[in-house]
Amino acid sequence: MSTDTSTDIVAALDATDPNLQDATADERVQTDTEVDADESVEGEEELGDKGKQALDRMKAKLQAERAARRAAEAKLNESSAADDPDRIQREANARAVAKANDRILRAEVRAAATGKLSDPSDALTFIDMTQFDVDDDGEVDQEEIAQAITDLIAKKPYLAAQGGPKSLKPDPSQGEGGRGTATTADRFAQAIDGLI
């Protein structure tokens, strides 16, 4: 593969790369020798096995360099903006909103699971909470939650609440003891027997 062909390919790739659209001339000079690691190069099929291996190594090296450059740029942006009070306030607000939304979502899921699951907190354990969104008003799509709980019961039926409400079983040692209800006359007679 000639140098002119690789330069033309790099130039074409740079023209379509949105990350390089705003790049300065110095940055473009650095990327003149880069080839997008995911793109196939013209004439790649004509290379032998060793040529393909060399091309793969070059692509891997290019990806590693790009990742390192992006990490360095992110670190630079982070450190330069670390003293920005507006950014700090926005991040604090975003964390507070995320925490409140998580609390809202957990409460809604527990409430929807009540009566459907034997332990409503199991819904929090087995359902992926990231699939739900809390809107700006703090509302959650109840149908989505109900469908997720129904799917959970279908996958893990042993989590479902047992049918019917739980009824209290009477304790025969309490109350009349199975002797029936006493009439007023019977109670009066029992009270007098103790006095006579």
N, C-alpha and C. Protein backbone atom coordinates (compact mmCIF):
# COMPACT_ATOMS: atom_id res chain seq x y z
N MET A 1 0.86 -1.16 0.00
CA MET A 1 0.00 0.00 0.00
C MET A 1 0.90 1.22 0.00
N SER A 2 0.63 2.17 -0.86
CA SER A 2 1.48 3.34 -0.97
C SER A 2 1.12 4.37 0.08
N THR A 3 2.05 5.27 0.35
CA THR A 3 1.84 6.31 1.35
C THR A 3 0.76 7.28 0.89
N ASP A 4 0.72 7.54 -0.43
CA ASP A 4 -0.30 8.45 -0.96
C ASP A 4 -1.69 7.90 -0.73
N THR A 5 -1.87 6.59 -0.92
CA THR A 5 -3.17 5.97 -0.72
C THR A 5 -3.58 6.04 0.74
N SER A 6 -2.65 5.76 1.65
CA SER A 6 -3.00 5.80 3.08
C SER A 6 -3.29 7.23 3.51
N THR A 7 -2.57 8.22 2.94
CA THR A 7 -2.83 9.62 3.28
C THR A 7 -4.21 10.03 2.79
N ASP A 8 -4.58 9.57 1.58
CA ASP A 8 -5.90 9.89 1.05
C ASP A 8 -6.99 9.26 1.92
N ILE A 9 -6.77 8.04 2.35
CA ILE A 9 -7.75 7.36 3.20
C ILE A 9 -7.89 8.07 4.53
N VAL A 10 -6.77 8.45 5.12
CA VAL A 10 -6.80 9.16 6.40
C VAL A 10 -7.51 10.49 6.24
N ALA A 11 -7.24 11.20 5.16
CA ALA A 11 -7.89 12.49 4.93
C ALA A 11 -9.39 12.30 4.78
N ALA A 12 -9.80 11.25 4.08
CA ALA A 12 -11.23 10.99 3.91
C ALA A 12 -11.87 10.63 5.24
N LEU A 13 -11.18 9.83 6.04
CA LEU A 13 -11.72 9.47 7.35
C LEU A 13 -11.79 10.67 8.27
N ASP A 14 -10.75 11.51 8.23
CA ASP A 14 -10.75 12.71 9.07
C ASP A 14 -11.89 13.64 8.71
N ALA A 15 -12.23 13.70 7.43
CA ALA A 15 -13.32 14.58 7.00
C ALA A 15 -14.66 14.10 7.54
N THR A 16 -14.79 12.80 7.78
CA THR A 16 -16.07 12.28 8.28
C THR A 16 -16.08 12.08 9.78
N ASP A 17 -14.95 12.23 10.44
CA ASP A 17 -14.87 12.02 11.89
C ASP A 17 -15.35 13.27 12.62
N PRO A 18 -16.48 13.20 13.36
CA PRO A 18 -17.00 14.38 14.04
C PRO A 18 -16.07 14.88 15.13
N ASN A 19 -15.23 14.02 15.68
CA ASN A 19 -14.30 14.45 16.72
C ASN A 19 -13.19 15.32 16.14
N LEU A 20 -12.91 15.16 14.85
CA LEU A 20 -11.83 15.91 14.23
C LEU A 20 -12.34 17.12 13.45
N GLN A 21 -13.65 17.32 13.38
CA GLN A 21 -14.20 18.45 12.64
C GLN A 21 -13.67 19.77 13.18
N ASP A 22 -13.57 19.88 14.49
CA ASP A 22 -13.15 21.13 15.11
C ASP A 22 -11.66 21.12 15.45
N ALA A 23 -10.94 20.15 14.97
CA ALA A 23 -9.53 20.03 15.33
C ALA A 23 -8.72 21.14 14.69
N THR A 24 -7.69 21.55 15.38
CA THR A 24 -6.80 22.57 14.83
C THR A 24 -5.88 21.93 13.80
N ALA A 25 -5.13 22.75 13.09
CA ALA A 25 -4.22 22.24 12.06
C ALA A 25 -3.15 21.35 12.67
N ASP A 26 -2.66 21.71 13.88
CA ASP A 26 -1.65 20.89 14.53
C ASP A 26 -2.19 19.50 14.84
N GLU A 27 -3.45 19.45 15.30
CA GLU A 27 -4.04 18.16 15.62
C GLU A 27 -4.23 17.33 14.35
N ARG A 28 -4.57 18.02 13.24
CA ARG A 28 -4.75 17.29 11.99
C ARG A 28 -3.44 16.72 11.49
N VAL A 29 -2.35 17.44 11.70
CA VAL A 29 -1.05 16.93 11.30
C VAL A 29 -0.74 15.66 12.06
N GLN A 30 -1.09 15.63 13.35
CA GLN A 30 -0.84 14.44 14.15
C GLN A 30 -1.65 13.26 13.66
N THR A 31 -2.83 13.51 13.12
CA THR A 31 -3.71 12.42 12.72
C THR A 31 -3.55 12.04 11.26
N ASP A 32 -2.61 12.68 10.53
CA ASP A 32 -2.43 12.35 9.13
C ASP A 32 -2.05 10.89 8.92
N THR A 33 -1.36 10.31 9.86
CA THR A 33 -0.93 8.92 9.71
C THR A 33 -1.90 7.94 10.34
N GLU A 34 -2.98 8.45 10.95
CA GLU A 34 -3.94 7.57 11.61
C GLU A 34 -4.89 6.96 10.60
N VAL A 35 -5.29 5.74 10.88
CA VAL A 35 -6.31 5.05 10.10
C VAL A 35 -7.32 4.57 11.11
N ASP A 36 -8.61 4.75 10.82
CA ASP A 36 -9.64 4.31 11.75
C ASP A 36 -9.52 2.80 11.93
N ALA A 37 -9.43 2.37 13.16
CA ALA A 37 -9.16 0.97 13.47
C ALA A 37 -10.30 0.05 13.05
N ASP A 38 -11.51 0.57 12.97
CA ASP A 38 -12.65 -0.28 12.63
C ASP A 38 -12.89 -0.33 11.11
N GLU A 39 -12.31 0.58 10.36
CA GLU A 39 -12.53 0.64 8.93
C GLU A 39 -11.55 -0.30 8.22
N SER A 40 -11.99 -0.89 7.13
CA SER A 40 -11.07 -1.70 6.34
C SER A 40 -10.34 -0.76 5.38
N VAL A 41 -9.09 -1.03 5.17
CA VAL A 41 -8.27 -0.19 4.32
C VAL A 41 -8.34 -0.73 2.90
N GLU A 42 -8.35 0.18 1.92
CA GLU A 42 -8.39 -0.22 0.53
C GLU A 42 -7.16 -1.07 0.21
N GLY A 43 -7.36 -2.20 -0.40
CA GLY A 43 -6.26 -3.07 -0.74
C GLY A 43 -5.88 -4.03 0.37
N GLU A 44 -6.64 -4.03 1.45
CA GLU A 44 -6.32 -4.90 2.59
C GLU A 44 -6.39 -6.37 2.19
N GLU A 45 -7.29 -6.70 1.27
CA GLU A 45 -7.44 -8.09 0.84
C GLU A 45 -6.19 -8.58 0.11
N GLU A 46 -5.45 -7.65 -0.53
CA GLU A 46 -4.27 -8.02 -1.30
C GLU A 46 -3.06 -8.31 -0.41
N LEU A 47 -3.14 -7.90 0.86
CA LEU A 47 -2.02 -8.14 1.77
C LEU A 47 -1.97 -9.61 2.15
N GLY A 48 -0.80 -10.06 2.45
CA GLY A 48 -0.65 -11.43 2.93
C GLY A 48 -1.01 -11.49 4.41
N ASP A 49 -0.82 -12.66 5.00
CA ASP A 49 -1.13 -12.82 6.42
C ASP A 49 -0.29 -11.90 7.29
N LYS A 50 1.00 -11.77 6.96
CA LYS A 50 1.86 -10.90 7.75
C LYS A 50 1.45 -9.44 7.61
N GLY A 51 1.05 -9.06 6.44
CA GLY A 51 0.60 -7.69 6.22
C GLY A 51 -0.68 -7.40 6.99
N LYS A 52 -1.60 -8.36 7.01
CA LYS A 52 -2.84 -8.18 7.77
C LYS A 52 -2.56 -8.11 9.26
N GLN A 53 -1.62 -8.94 9.73
CA GLN A 53 -1.26 -8.90 11.14
C GLN A 53 -0.63 -7.56 11.50
N ALA A 54 0.22 -7.06 10.62
CA ALA A 54 0.84 -5.75 10.86
C ALA A 54 -0.22 -4.66 10.87
N LEU A 55 -1.16 -4.75 9.96
CA LEU A 55 -2.24 -3.77 9.90
C LEU A 55 -3.10 -3.84 11.17
N ASP A 56 -3.37 -5.04 11.65
CA ASP A 56 -4.14 -5.20 12.88
C ASP A 56 -3.40 -4.62 14.08
N ARG A 57 -2.07 -4.84 14.12
CA ARG A 57 -1.27 -4.25 15.20
C ARG A 57 -1.30 -2.73 15.13
N MET A 58 -1.22 -2.20 13.92
CA MET A 58 -1.26 -0.76 13.74
C MET A 58 -2.62 -0.20 14.20
N LYS A 59 -3.69 -0.90 13.86
CA LYS A 59 -5.02 -0.47 14.28
C LYS A 59 -5.17 -0.51 15.79
N ALA A 60 -4.64 -1.57 16.42
CA ALA A 60 -4.72 -1.68 17.88
C ALA A 60 -3.93 -0.58 18.55
N LYS A 61 -2.74 -0.28 18.01
CA LYS A 61 -1.92 0.80 18.56
C LYS A 61 -2.64 2.13 18.41
N LEU A 62 -3.26 2.33 17.28
CA LEU A 62 -4.00 3.56 17.02
C LEU A 62 -5.15 3.71 18.01
N GLN A 63 -5.89 2.64 18.24
CA GLN A 63 -6.99 2.69 19.21
C GLN A 63 -6.48 3.02 20.60
N ALA A 64 -5.37 2.43 20.99
CA ALA A 64 -4.80 2.69 22.32
C ALA A 64 -4.37 4.15 22.44
N GLU A 65 -3.74 4.68 21.39
CA GLU A 65 -3.32 6.08 21.41
C GLU A 65 -4.51 7.02 21.50
N ARG A 66 -5.55 6.71 20.74
CA ARG A 66 -6.76 7.56 20.79
C ARG A 66 -7.40 7.51 22.17
N ALA A 67 -7.47 6.32 22.76
CA ALA A 67 -8.06 6.20 24.09
C ALA A 67 -7.24 6.98 25.11
N ALA A 68 -5.91 6.91 24.99
CA ALA A 68 -5.06 7.66 25.91
C ALA A 68 -5.23 9.17 25.71
N ARG A 69 -5.35 9.59 24.46
CA ARG A 69 -5.54 11.02 24.18
C ARG A 69 -6.87 11.50 24.75
N ARG A 70 -7.93 10.71 24.54
CA ARG A 70 -9.25 11.11 25.07
C ARG A 70 -9.23 11.16 26.59
N ALA A 71 -8.56 10.20 27.21
CA ALA A 71 -8.47 10.20 28.67
C ALA A 71 -7.71 11.43 29.16
N ALA A 72 -6.62 11.78 28.46
CA ALA A 72 -5.85 12.96 28.85
C ALA A 72 -6.67 14.24 28.67
N GLU A 73 -7.44 14.31 27.57
CA GLU A 73 -8.28 15.49 27.34
C GLU A 73 -9.36 15.58 28.40
N ALA A 74 -9.95 14.45 28.75
CA ALA A 74 -10.99 14.46 29.78
C ALA A 74 -10.42 14.89 31.12
N LYS A 75 -9.21 14.42 31.43
CA LYS A 75 -8.57 14.80 32.68
C LYS A 75 -8.26 16.29 32.68
N LEU A 76 -7.80 16.80 31.56
CA LEU A 76 -7.50 18.23 31.44
C LEU A 76 -8.76 19.06 31.61
N ASN A 77 -9.84 18.64 30.96
CA ASN A 77 -11.11 19.36 31.09
C ASN A 77 -11.63 19.31 32.52
N GLU A 78 -11.45 18.18 33.16
CA GLU A 78 -11.92 18.02 34.53
C GLU A 78 -11.13 18.90 35.48
N SER A 79 -9.81 18.93 35.31
CA SER A 79 -8.98 19.71 36.22
C SER A 79 -9.16 21.20 35.99
N SER A 80 -9.36 21.62 34.75
CA SER A 80 -9.53 23.05 34.50
C SER A 80 -10.89 23.53 34.96
N ALA A 81 -11.87 22.67 34.95
CA ALA A 81 -13.21 23.06 35.36
C ALA A 81 -13.48 22.74 36.83
N ALA A 82 -12.49 22.22 37.53
CA ALA A 82 -12.70 21.82 38.92
C ALA A 82 -13.02 23.00 39.82
N ASP A 83 -12.55 24.19 39.46
CA ASP A 83 -12.77 25.35 40.30
C ASP A 83 -14.01 26.14 39.89
N ASP A 84 -14.74 25.69 38.90
CA ASP A 84 -15.92 26.40 38.41
C ASP A 84 -17.08 26.21 39.39
N PRO A 85 -17.50 27.26 40.11
CA PRO A 85 -18.56 27.10 41.11
C PRO A 85 -19.91 26.73 40.49
N ASP A 86 -20.17 27.22 39.28
CA ASP A 86 -21.44 26.87 38.63
C ASP A 86 -21.49 25.38 38.31
N ARG A 87 -20.36 24.83 37.85
CA ARG A 87 -20.32 23.41 37.54
C ARG A 87 -20.49 22.58 38.80
N ILE A 88 -19.85 23.01 39.87
CA ILE A 88 -19.97 22.30 41.15
C ILE A 88 -21.41 22.31 41.62
N GLN A 89 -22.08 23.46 41.49
CA GLN A 89 -23.49 23.56 41.90
C GLN A 89 -24.38 22.67 41.04
N ARG A 90 -24.12 22.66 39.72
CA ARG A 90 -24.92 21.82 38.82
C ARG A 90 -24.74 20.34 39.17
N GLU A 91 -23.50 19.94 39.46
CA GLU A 91 -23.25 18.54 39.82
C GLU A 91 -23.93 18.18 41.13
N ALA A 92 -23.91 19.08 42.10
CA ALA A 92 -24.57 18.83 43.39
C ALA A 92 -26.07 18.71 43.19
N ASN A 93 -26.64 19.59 42.37
CA ASN A 93 -28.07 19.52 42.09
C ASN A 93 -28.43 18.23 41.37
N ALA A 94 -27.59 17.84 40.42
CA ALA A 94 -27.85 16.60 39.68
C ALA A 94 -27.80 15.39 40.61
N ARG A 95 -26.84 15.38 41.54
CA ARG A 95 -26.77 14.26 42.50
C ARG A 95 -28.00 14.24 43.40
N ALA A 96 -28.45 15.41 43.85
CA ALA A 96 -29.63 15.47 44.73
C ALA A 96 -30.88 15.01 44.00
N VAL A 97 -31.03 15.43 42.75
CA VAL A 97 -32.19 15.01 41.96
C VAL A 97 -32.14 13.51 41.70
N ALA A 98 -30.97 12.98 41.40
CA ALA A 98 -30.84 11.54 41.16
C ALA A 98 -31.19 10.74 42.41
N LYS A 99 -30.76 11.23 43.56
CA LYS A 99 -31.06 10.54 44.82
C LYS A 99 -32.56 10.59 45.12
N ALA A 100 -33.19 11.74 44.90
CA ALA A 100 -34.63 11.86 45.13
C ALA A 100 -35.41 10.98 44.16
N ASN A 101 -34.99 10.96 42.90
CA ASN A 101 -35.66 10.12 41.91
C ASN A 101 -35.53 8.65 42.26
N ASP A 102 -34.38 8.24 42.76
CA ASP A 102 -34.18 6.86 43.17
C ASP A 102 -35.12 6.51 44.32
N ARG A 103 -35.25 7.42 45.27
CA ARG A 103 -36.15 7.19 46.41
C ARG A 103 -37.60 7.08 45.94
N ILE A 104 -38.01 7.96 45.03
CA ILE A 104 -39.37 7.92 44.48
C ILE A 104 -39.61 6.59 43.77
N LEU A 105 -38.67 6.21 42.94
CA LEU A 105 -38.81 4.99 42.17
C LEU A 105 -38.90 3.76 43.06
N ARG A 106 -38.07 3.69 44.08
CA ARG A 106 -38.09 2.55 45.00
C ARG A 106 -39.43 2.47 45.73
N ALA A 107 -39.95 3.61 46.16
CA ALA A 107 -41.24 3.63 46.86
C ALA A 107 -42.37 3.19 45.93
N GLU A 108 -42.33 3.65 44.69
CA GLU A 108 -43.38 3.28 43.73
C GLU A 108 -43.35 1.78 43.42
N VAL A 109 -42.16 1.23 43.28
CA VAL A 109 -42.05 -0.20 42.97
C VAL A 109 -42.52 -1.03 44.16
N ARG A 110 -42.13 -0.63 45.36
CA ARG A 110 -42.59 -1.36 46.56
C ARG A 110 -44.11 -1.30 46.68
N ALA A 111 -44.68 -0.13 46.43
CA ALA A 111 -46.13 0.02 46.53
C ALA A 111 -46.84 -0.83 45.48
N ALA A 112 -46.30 -0.86 44.27
CA ALA A 112 -46.92 -1.66 43.22
C ALA A 112 -46.78 -3.16 43.49
N ALA A 113 -45.72 -3.56 44.19
CA ALA A 113 -45.49 -4.98 44.47
C ALA A 113 -46.30 -5.47 45.66
N THR A 114 -46.83 -4.56 46.47
CA THR A 114 -47.62 -4.96 47.63
C THR A 114 -48.86 -5.70 47.15
N GLY A 115 -49.06 -6.88 47.68
CA GLY A 115 -50.20 -7.70 47.31
C GLY A 115 -49.89 -8.66 46.17
N LYS A 116 -48.90 -8.32 45.35
CA LYS A 116 -48.53 -9.19 44.24
C LYS A 116 -47.37 -10.11 44.62
N LEU A 117 -46.47 -9.60 45.44
CA LEU A 117 -45.33 -10.39 45.90
C LEU A 117 -45.47 -10.64 47.39
N SER A 118 -45.00 -11.79 47.84
CA SER A 118 -45.09 -12.07 49.27
C SER A 118 -44.23 -11.10 50.07
N ASP A 119 -43.12 -10.67 49.53
CA ASP A 119 -42.28 -9.65 50.16
C ASP A 119 -42.03 -8.56 49.12
N PRO A 120 -42.68 -7.40 49.24
CA PRO A 120 -42.54 -6.35 48.23
C PRO A 120 -41.10 -5.87 48.01
N SER A 121 -40.24 -6.03 49.00
CA SER A 121 -38.85 -5.60 48.80
C SER A 121 -38.10 -6.51 47.83
N ASP A 122 -38.66 -7.70 47.54
CA ASP A 122 -38.05 -8.57 46.53
C ASP A 122 -38.06 -7.91 45.16
N ALA A 123 -39.05 -7.06 44.92
CA ALA A 123 -39.12 -6.36 43.64
C ALA A 123 -37.89 -5.49 43.45
N LEU A 124 -37.42 -4.87 44.52
CA LEU A 124 -36.24 -4.02 44.43
C LEU A 124 -34.99 -4.84 44.15
N THR A 125 -34.99 -6.07 44.61
CA THR A 125 -33.83 -6.94 44.42
C THR A 125 -33.77 -7.51 43.01
N PHE A 126 -34.90 -7.92 42.48
CA PHE A 126 -34.91 -8.66 41.23
C PHE A 126 -35.25 -7.84 40.00
N ILE A 127 -35.75 -6.64 40.15
CA ILE A 127 -36.11 -5.81 39.00
C ILE A 127 -35.02 -4.77 38.78
N ASP A 128 -34.62 -4.61 37.52
CA ASP A 128 -33.61 -3.62 37.15
C ASP A 128 -34.26 -2.24 37.20
N MET A 129 -33.86 -1.45 38.17
CA MET A 129 -34.48 -0.14 38.39
C MET A 129 -34.09 0.88 37.33
N THR A 130 -33.03 0.62 36.59
CA THR A 130 -32.59 1.58 35.58
C THR A 130 -33.51 1.59 34.37
N GLN A 131 -34.42 0.64 34.27
CA GLN A 131 -35.33 0.63 33.13
C GLN A 131 -36.48 1.62 33.29
N PHE A 132 -36.63 2.20 34.46
CA PHE A 132 -37.70 3.15 34.72
C PHE A 132 -37.15 4.56 34.77
N ASP A 133 -37.96 5.50 34.34
CA ASP A 133 -37.57 6.91 34.39
C ASP A 133 -38.57 7.68 35.24
N VAL A 134 -38.05 8.63 35.98
CA VAL A 134 -38.89 9.54 36.75
C VAL A 134 -38.91 10.85 35.98
N ASP A 135 -40.11 11.35 35.67
CA ASP A 135 -40.17 12.59 34.90
C ASP A 135 -39.91 13.80 35.79
N ASP A 136 -39.96 14.98 35.20
CA ASP A 136 -39.64 16.20 35.94
C ASP A 136 -40.61 16.47 37.08
N ASP A 137 -41.83 15.93 36.98
CA ASP A 137 -42.83 16.12 38.03
C ASP A 137 -42.74 15.06 39.11
N GLY A 138 -41.81 14.13 39.00
CA GLY A 138 -41.65 13.07 39.99
C GLY A 138 -42.59 11.90 39.75
N GLU A 139 -43.15 11.80 38.56
CA GLU A 139 -44.09 10.73 38.24
C GLU A 139 -43.35 9.58 37.55
N VAL A 140 -43.85 8.37 37.80
CA VAL A 140 -43.29 7.16 37.21
C VAL A 140 -44.41 6.46 36.46
N ASP A 141 -44.09 5.82 35.35
CA ASP A 141 -45.08 5.09 34.57
C ASP A 141 -45.50 3.84 35.33
N GLN A 142 -46.71 3.87 35.89
CA GLN A 142 -47.21 2.75 36.70
C GLN A 142 -47.38 1.48 35.88
N GLU A 143 -47.76 1.64 34.61
CA GLU A 143 -47.96 0.46 33.77
C GLU A 143 -46.64 -0.28 33.53
N GLU A 144 -45.56 0.48 33.37
CA GLU A 144 -44.24 -0.13 33.20
C GLU A 144 -43.85 -0.93 34.43
N ILE A 145 -44.09 -0.36 35.59
CA ILE A 145 -43.75 -1.04 36.84
C ILE A 145 -44.60 -2.29 37.01
N ALA A 146 -45.91 -2.17 36.74
CA ALA A 146 -46.80 -3.33 36.86
C ALA A 146 -46.38 -4.44 35.91
N GLN A 147 -45.98 -4.07 34.69
CA GLN A 147 -45.53 -5.07 33.72
C GLN A 147 -44.25 -5.74 34.19
N ALA A 148 -43.34 -4.97 34.77
CA ALA A 148 -42.08 -5.54 35.27
C ALA A 148 -42.36 -6.52 36.41
N ILE A 149 -43.31 -6.19 37.28
CA ILE A 149 -43.65 -7.09 38.39
C ILE A 149 -44.31 -8.35 37.86
N THR A 150 -45.18 -8.20 36.86
CA THR A 150 -45.82 -9.36 36.24
C THR A 150 -44.78 -10.26 35.60
N ASP A 151 -43.81 -9.66 34.91
CA ASP A 151 -42.73 -10.45 34.31
C ASP A 151 -41.90 -11.16 35.37
N LEU A 152 -41.65 -10.47 36.49
CA LEU A 152 -40.89 -11.08 37.58
C LEU A 152 -41.64 -12.29 38.14
N ILE A 153 -42.94 -12.17 38.32
CA ILE A 153 -43.74 -13.29 38.84
C ILE A 153 -43.74 -14.45 37.84
N ALA A 154 -43.75 -14.13 36.54
CA ALA A 154 -43.71 -15.19 35.53
C ALA A 154 -42.37 -15.92 35.57
N LYS A 155 -41.28 -15.19 35.79
CA LYS A 155 -39.95 -15.80 35.83
C LYS A 155 -39.69 -16.51 37.15
N LYS A 156 -40.18 -15.94 38.25
CA LYS A 156 -39.93 -16.49 39.58
C LYS A 156 -41.26 -16.58 40.34
N PRO A 157 -42.07 -17.59 40.02
CA PRO A 157 -43.40 -17.68 40.62
C PRO A 157 -43.38 -17.89 42.13
N TYR A 158 -42.29 -18.37 42.68
CA TYR A 158 -42.23 -18.58 44.12
C TYR A 158 -42.21 -17.27 44.90
N LEU A 159 -42.00 -16.14 44.22
CA LEU A 159 -42.02 -14.84 44.89
C LEU A 159 -43.44 -14.28 45.02
N ALA A 160 -44.38 -14.86 44.28
CA ALA A 160 -45.75 -14.34 44.27
C ALA A 160 -46.41 -14.52 45.63
N ALA A 161 -47.30 -13.59 45.95
CA ALA A 161 -48.06 -13.68 47.19
C ALA A 161 -49.00 -14.87 47.08
N GLN A 162 -49.22 -15.54 48.19
CA GLN A 162 -50.12 -16.68 48.21
C GLN A 162 -51.55 -16.18 48.07
N GLY A 163 -52.39 -16.97 47.39
CA GLY A 163 -53.76 -16.56 47.10
C GLY A 163 -54.60 -16.31 48.33
N GLY A 164 -55.44 -15.30 48.25
CA GLY A 164 -56.38 -14.99 49.33
C GLY A 164 -55.74 -14.28 50.49
N PRO A 165 -56.56 -13.54 51.20
CA PRO A 165 -56.03 -12.85 52.38
C PRO A 165 -55.79 -13.85 53.50
N LYS A 166 -54.85 -13.55 54.32
CA LYS A 166 -54.56 -14.43 55.45
C LYS A 166 -55.66 -14.25 56.49
N SER A 167 -56.25 -15.37 56.90
CA SER A 167 -57.30 -15.30 57.92
C SER A 167 -56.71 -15.73 59.26
N LEU A 168 -57.22 -15.15 60.29
CA LEU A 168 -56.75 -15.50 61.63
C LEU A 168 -57.37 -16.81 62.05
N LYS A 169 -56.60 -17.65 62.65
CA LYS A 169 -57.10 -18.91 63.17
C LYS A 169 -57.42 -18.69 64.64
N PRO A 170 -58.63 -19.05 65.06
CA PRO A 170 -59.00 -18.80 66.45
C PRO A 170 -58.22 -19.69 67.41
N ASP A 171 -57.95 -19.14 68.56
CA ASP A 171 -57.26 -19.88 69.62
C ASP A 171 -58.34 -20.41 70.56
N PRO A 172 -58.55 -21.74 70.62
CA PRO A 172 -59.64 -22.28 71.44
C PRO A 172 -59.44 -22.06 72.94
N SER A 173 -58.25 -21.73 73.36
CA SER A 173 -58.05 -21.52 74.80
C SER A 173 -58.55 -20.16 75.25
N GLN A 174 -58.88 -19.30 74.31
CA GLN A 174 -59.37 -17.98 74.66
C GLN A 174 -60.88 -17.91 74.51
N GLY A 175 -61.49 -17.03 75.20
CA GLY A 175 -62.92 -16.80 75.07
C GLY A 175 -63.75 -17.89 75.71
N GLU A 176 -64.81 -18.27 75.04
CA GLU A 176 -65.77 -19.24 75.56
C GLU A 176 -65.22 -20.66 75.54
N GLY A 177 -64.16 -20.88 74.82
CA GLY A 177 -63.56 -22.21 74.81
C GLY A 177 -64.40 -23.21 74.04
N GLY A 178 -65.18 -22.77 73.09
CA GLY A 178 -65.98 -23.67 72.29
C GLY A 178 -67.29 -24.07 72.94
N ARG A 179 -67.69 -23.43 74.04
CA ARG A 179 -68.92 -23.79 74.73
C ARG A 179 -70.12 -23.04 74.18
N GLY A 180 -69.92 -22.20 73.21
CA GLY A 180 -71.03 -21.42 72.68
C GLY A 180 -71.17 -20.13 73.44
N THR A 181 -72.12 -19.33 73.02
CA THR A 181 -72.31 -18.05 73.71
C THR A 181 -73.31 -18.23 74.85
N ALA A 182 -72.98 -17.65 75.94
CA ALA A 182 -73.86 -17.74 77.11
C ALA A 182 -74.87 -16.61 77.06
N THR A 183 -76.09 -16.94 77.47
CA THR A 183 -77.13 -15.92 77.53
C THR A 183 -76.97 -15.15 78.82
N THR A 184 -77.68 -14.08 78.94
CA THR A 184 -77.62 -13.27 80.14
C THR A 184 -78.05 -14.07 81.35
N ALA A 185 -79.06 -14.89 81.18
CA ALA A 185 -79.56 -15.71 82.29
C ALA A 185 -78.49 -16.71 82.73
N ASP A 186 -77.76 -17.30 81.78
CA ASP A 186 -76.70 -18.25 82.14
C ASP A 186 -75.59 -17.56 82.91
N ARG A 187 -75.21 -16.39 82.49
CA ARG A 187 -74.15 -15.67 83.19
C ARG A 187 -74.59 -15.26 84.59
N PHE A 188 -75.88 -14.88 84.73
CA PHE A 188 -76.40 -14.51 86.04
C PHE A 188 -76.42 -15.72 86.97
N ALA A 189 -76.80 -16.86 86.40
CA ALA A 189 -76.85 -18.08 87.20
C ALA A 189 -75.44 -18.48 87.65
N GLN A 190 -74.46 -18.32 86.79
CA GLN A 190 -73.08 -18.65 87.17
C GLN A 190 -72.58 -17.71 88.25
N ALA A 191 -72.94 -16.45 88.17
CA ALA A 191 -72.51 -15.48 89.17
C ALA A 191 -73.15 -15.78 90.52
N ILE A 192 -74.42 -16.20 90.53
CA ILE A 192 -75.11 -16.49 91.79
C ILE A 192 -74.58 -17.77 92.41
N ASP A 193 -74.23 -18.77 91.57
CA ASP A 193 -73.71 -20.02 92.10
C ASP A 193 -72.49 -19.79 92.98
N GLY A 194 -71.70 -18.84 92.65
CA GLY A 194 -70.52 -18.56 93.45
C GLY A 194 -70.87 -17.92 94.78
N LEU A 195 -72.04 -17.30 94.89
CA LEU A 195 -72.44 -16.62 96.11
C LEU A 195 -73.27 -17.52 97.03
N ILE A 196 -73.92 -18.48 96.49
CA ILE A 196 -74.80 -19.31 97.30
C ILE A 196 -74.08 -20.46 97.91
